[in-house]
Amino acid sequence: MAKCEACGKTTTFGHNRSFSLRATNRVFRPNLQKVSLLVNGKKVRKVLCAKCIKTMAKSA
């Protein structure tokens, strides 16, 4: 499933708006990346959104 393992961010839905303001359905998907992290001295592979990766890099 398209879900960040840290913050729980998932797919959201909205509308495309044409020039005539006709609404058609669209999807907003999170920017998910597969990342290897060290957790308690062990290498763990997680699926995280780009924002979570960025904030983890700041704190480390």
N, C-alpha and C. Protein backbone atom coordinates (compact mmCIF):
# COMPACT_ATOMS: atom_id res chain seq x y z
N MET A 1 0.84 -1.19 0.00
CA MET A 1 0.00 0.00 0.00
C MET A 1 0.88 1.24 0.00
N ALA A 2 0.44 2.29 -0.67
CA ALA A 2 1.19 3.55 -0.74
C ALA A 2 1.00 4.32 0.56
N LYS A 3 1.90 4.04 1.53
CA LYS A 3 1.78 4.67 2.84
C LYS A 3 3.17 4.84 3.46
N CYS A 4 3.43 6.01 4.01
CA CYS A 4 4.69 6.27 4.70
C CYS A 4 4.67 5.55 6.04
N GLU A 5 5.76 4.84 6.35
CA GLU A 5 5.82 4.08 7.59
C GLU A 5 6.07 4.97 8.81
N ALA A 6 6.51 6.21 8.60
CA ALA A 6 6.80 7.11 9.73
C ALA A 6 5.59 7.98 10.07
N CYS A 7 5.04 8.66 9.08
CA CYS A 7 3.96 9.63 9.37
C CYS A 7 2.58 9.13 8.95
N GLY A 8 2.51 8.07 8.16
CA GLY A 8 1.22 7.52 7.74
C GLY A 8 0.58 8.24 6.57
N LYS A 9 1.36 9.07 5.87
CA LYS A 9 0.82 9.81 4.72
C LYS A 9 0.41 8.84 3.63
N THR A 10 -0.82 9.01 3.10
CA THR A 10 -1.34 8.13 2.06
C THR A 10 -1.85 8.96 0.88
N THR A 11 -2.41 8.27 -0.10
CA THR A 11 -2.99 8.91 -1.27
C THR A 11 -4.21 9.72 -0.86
N THR A 12 -4.32 10.94 -1.41
CA THR A 12 -5.51 11.76 -1.21
C THR A 12 -6.13 12.06 -2.57
N PHE A 13 -7.36 12.50 -2.57
CA PHE A 13 -8.10 12.71 -3.81
C PHE A 13 -8.57 14.15 -3.91
N GLY A 14 -8.69 14.60 -5.15
CA GLY A 14 -9.15 15.96 -5.41
C GLY A 14 -9.72 16.05 -6.81
N HIS A 15 -9.66 17.25 -7.38
CA HIS A 15 -10.21 17.48 -8.72
C HIS A 15 -9.22 18.21 -9.61
N ASN A 16 -9.22 17.84 -10.89
CA ASN A 16 -8.60 18.68 -11.91
C ASN A 16 -9.63 19.73 -12.27
N ARG A 17 -9.19 20.95 -12.47
CA ARG A 17 -10.11 22.02 -12.85
C ARG A 17 -9.69 22.55 -14.21
N SER A 18 -10.56 22.42 -15.20
CA SER A 18 -10.27 22.94 -16.54
C SER A 18 -10.56 24.44 -16.57
N PHE A 19 -10.30 25.05 -17.73
CA PHE A 19 -10.55 26.49 -17.89
C PHE A 19 -12.03 26.82 -17.66
N SER A 20 -12.92 25.89 -18.03
CA SER A 20 -14.35 26.09 -17.82
C SER A 20 -14.79 25.70 -16.41
N LEU A 21 -13.81 25.34 -15.55
CA LEU A 21 -14.02 24.93 -14.16
C LEU A 21 -14.78 23.61 -14.02
N ARG A 22 -14.76 22.80 -15.07
CA ARG A 22 -15.33 21.47 -14.97
C ARG A 22 -14.42 20.62 -14.09
N ALA A 23 -14.98 19.89 -13.14
CA ALA A 23 -14.18 19.11 -12.18
C ALA A 23 -14.11 17.65 -12.61
N THR A 24 -12.90 17.13 -12.76
CA THR A 24 -12.69 15.71 -13.00
C THR A 24 -11.79 15.18 -11.89
N ASN A 25 -11.99 13.94 -11.53
CA ASN A 25 -11.27 13.36 -10.40
C ASN A 25 -9.78 13.19 -10.69
N ARG A 26 -8.96 13.36 -9.66
CA ARG A 26 -7.52 13.13 -9.77
C ARG A 26 -6.99 12.62 -8.45
N VAL A 27 -5.73 12.18 -8.45
CA VAL A 27 -5.11 11.56 -7.29
C VAL A 27 -3.85 12.33 -6.91
N PHE A 28 -3.64 12.57 -5.62
CA PHE A 28 -2.40 13.15 -5.10
C PHE A 28 -1.67 12.04 -4.36
N ARG A 29 -0.55 11.57 -4.94
CA ARG A 29 0.21 10.48 -4.32
C ARG A 29 1.41 11.03 -3.57
N PRO A 30 1.75 10.44 -2.41
CA PRO A 30 2.93 10.89 -1.67
C PRO A 30 4.21 10.47 -2.39
N ASN A 31 5.27 11.23 -2.18
CA ASN A 31 6.57 10.94 -2.78
C ASN A 31 7.29 9.91 -1.91
N LEU A 32 7.01 8.62 -2.14
CA LEU A 32 7.56 7.55 -1.32
C LEU A 32 8.87 7.02 -1.89
N GLN A 33 9.82 6.75 -0.99
CA GLN A 33 11.13 6.23 -1.36
C GLN A 33 11.48 5.05 -0.45
N LYS A 34 12.19 4.06 -0.99
CA LYS A 34 12.70 2.95 -0.17
C LYS A 34 14.06 3.36 0.37
N VAL A 35 14.20 3.33 1.71
CA VAL A 35 15.41 3.82 2.37
C VAL A 35 15.91 2.77 3.35
N SER A 36 17.23 2.62 3.43
CA SER A 36 17.84 1.76 4.44
C SER A 36 18.28 2.61 5.62
N LEU A 37 17.85 2.24 6.82
CA LEU A 37 18.15 2.99 8.04
C LEU A 37 18.79 2.08 9.07
N LEU A 38 19.56 2.67 9.98
CA LEU A 38 20.08 1.93 11.12
C LEU A 38 19.15 2.14 12.30
N VAL A 39 18.52 1.07 12.77
CA VAL A 39 17.62 1.12 13.91
C VAL A 39 18.13 0.13 14.95
N ASN A 40 18.55 0.63 16.10
CA ASN A 40 19.13 -0.19 17.16
C ASN A 40 20.31 -1.04 16.66
N GLY A 41 21.14 -0.45 15.81
CA GLY A 41 22.32 -1.13 15.29
C GLY A 41 22.06 -2.11 14.16
N LYS A 42 20.81 -2.24 13.73
CA LYS A 42 20.47 -3.15 12.64
C LYS A 42 20.01 -2.34 11.43
N LYS A 43 20.35 -2.84 10.24
CA LYS A 43 19.94 -2.19 9.01
C LYS A 43 18.50 -2.59 8.68
N VAL A 44 17.61 -1.61 8.57
CA VAL A 44 16.20 -1.86 8.31
C VAL A 44 15.80 -1.09 7.07
N ARG A 45 15.03 -1.73 6.21
CA ARG A 45 14.55 -1.07 4.99
C ARG A 45 13.12 -0.60 5.23
N LYS A 46 12.87 0.70 5.00
CA LYS A 46 11.55 1.27 5.21
C LYS A 46 11.12 2.06 3.99
N VAL A 47 9.80 2.25 3.86
CA VAL A 47 9.24 3.10 2.81
C VAL A 47 8.81 4.40 3.48
N LEU A 48 9.50 5.50 3.14
CA LEU A 48 9.24 6.79 3.76
C LEU A 48 8.95 7.85 2.71
N CYS A 49 8.18 8.86 3.10
CA CYS A 49 7.95 9.98 2.19
C CYS A 49 9.18 10.90 2.24
N ALA A 50 9.34 11.71 1.21
CA ALA A 50 10.50 12.58 1.07
C ALA A 50 10.62 13.55 2.24
N LYS A 51 9.50 14.01 2.76
CA LYS A 51 9.53 14.95 3.89
C LYS A 51 10.09 14.29 5.14
N CYS A 52 9.71 13.04 5.41
CA CYS A 52 10.24 12.32 6.57
C CYS A 52 11.73 12.06 6.44
N ILE A 53 12.19 11.72 5.21
CA ILE A 53 13.61 11.49 4.97
C ILE A 53 14.38 12.78 5.26
N LYS A 54 13.83 13.90 4.82
CA LYS A 54 14.48 15.19 5.00
C LYS A 54 14.60 15.54 6.47
N THR A 55 13.54 15.35 7.25
CA THR A 55 13.58 15.69 8.68
C THR A 55 14.47 14.73 9.45
N MET A 56 14.55 13.45 9.05
CA MET A 56 15.46 12.51 9.70
C MET A 56 16.91 12.89 9.44
N ALA A 57 17.22 13.39 8.25
CA ALA A 57 18.56 13.82 7.92
C ALA A 57 18.95 15.06 8.73
N LYS A 58 17.99 15.92 9.01
CA LYS A 58 18.25 17.13 9.82
C LYS A 58 18.62 16.76 11.25
N SER A 59 17.89 15.79 11.83
CA SER A 59 18.11 15.44 13.23
C SER A 59 19.38 14.61 13.43
N ALA A 60 19.83 13.92 12.40
CA ALA A 60 21.00 13.04 12.53
C ALA A 60 22.30 13.79 12.35
